[in-house]
Amino acid sequence: MKSYKLLFVVLAFVLLVSAFVSVSAQDLEAVAIDKGAFDTLLASGPVASDEAVAASSWASAVKKAGILRVGGTRTSFLFSQLDETDNGIRGFDAGLYQLLARYILGDESKYELTQVTSSTRESVLTSGQVDAVFATYSITPSRQEVISFAGPYYTSQQAILVKNGNAEIKGIDDLADKTVATQAGSTGPSILEEYAPDAIVQEFEDDIQARTAVEQGRADAYVTDYTLILNSIVKNPGAYAIAGDVFGPIDPYGIGLPKDSDGVAFVNDFLKLIEENGTWTQLWLISLGARTGIETAPEAPAID
């Protein structure tokens, strides 16, 4: 009789583990990017004429080098995430710079990625280490003093990330006297100074450090771009929540380029082309829409 009871316990445990694994697999499947659709879209991207490339000294230099040097990330789940199973980098930003590599060089794989943080995005451009930066990079007057931007190619606003179950913070007004994480070198500190002047601000080097502070209780909340918060929630189901509504000014994302580079006009022409032919919309739906349950892509922002 004892052996039957033991067998029953073991079987129940196996079924419980199997159910947990099944749910986890479904959760992962629900947010994983459709690699086939992503890769197929890139392979069908437009290629610039020789005349268009030759008319831009920036694009000509990239073509001569045979590689597009990009500043970006490999850990932004929706925007630029490394897949260690095939070493592919996929997401909305990643798709854009790979499409740009194809546009200039005829091959979407001809890129080289240098990882950047919010604090190093300008320096890799001013030092000539990269040709362009694609990193959910907000266009601001202070940044435009040292670099130039193509775009915008996307817009966002600010939002508040809290640990799931936090009932104290329901919106921006609840940040007073709370410890609030944000990224150094981002627009977060100035946004908090304006909209939550009584918050106790802690600046962190990157998104992971800021979120870890919230997880560990060293910070009560984390304020950053809504799209980055959505990225974290999709990647870590059940770990975080969004407190309240989005707030603050419209945050336009641009593509960082060297100061006064004629690459701005070239990249803007590229952006206009992929917006007009539907590639931008398809990339958004594959990278963000299908993974967040949003069926209709937003309207692409007007290119400056």
Foldseek 3Di string as FASTA:
>chain_A
DVVVVVVVVVVVVVVVVVVVVVVVVVLCVQQAFPVVLLVVLLLPAAAADPVLQVVFPLLVVCQVVQAAEEEEAQVQQLQWHADVVVRDTAHQLLSLQLSVSCRRHVGSVRYHYDYDWLVCQLVCFLVVVGAKYRYLAFDDPVSLVFWDWWDLFDKWFKFKKAWPPDPQFQDLVSQAQFEEEEAPNACVVVQCCPRPVRHNYDHDPHDVVRVVCRQVVVGGIYMDTPSSNVSVCSVDPNTMDIHYDTDDDITGGTMIGGRPGPVNVSSNVSSVVCLVVVSSQSSCCSSPCSNNVNDGDDRTDDID
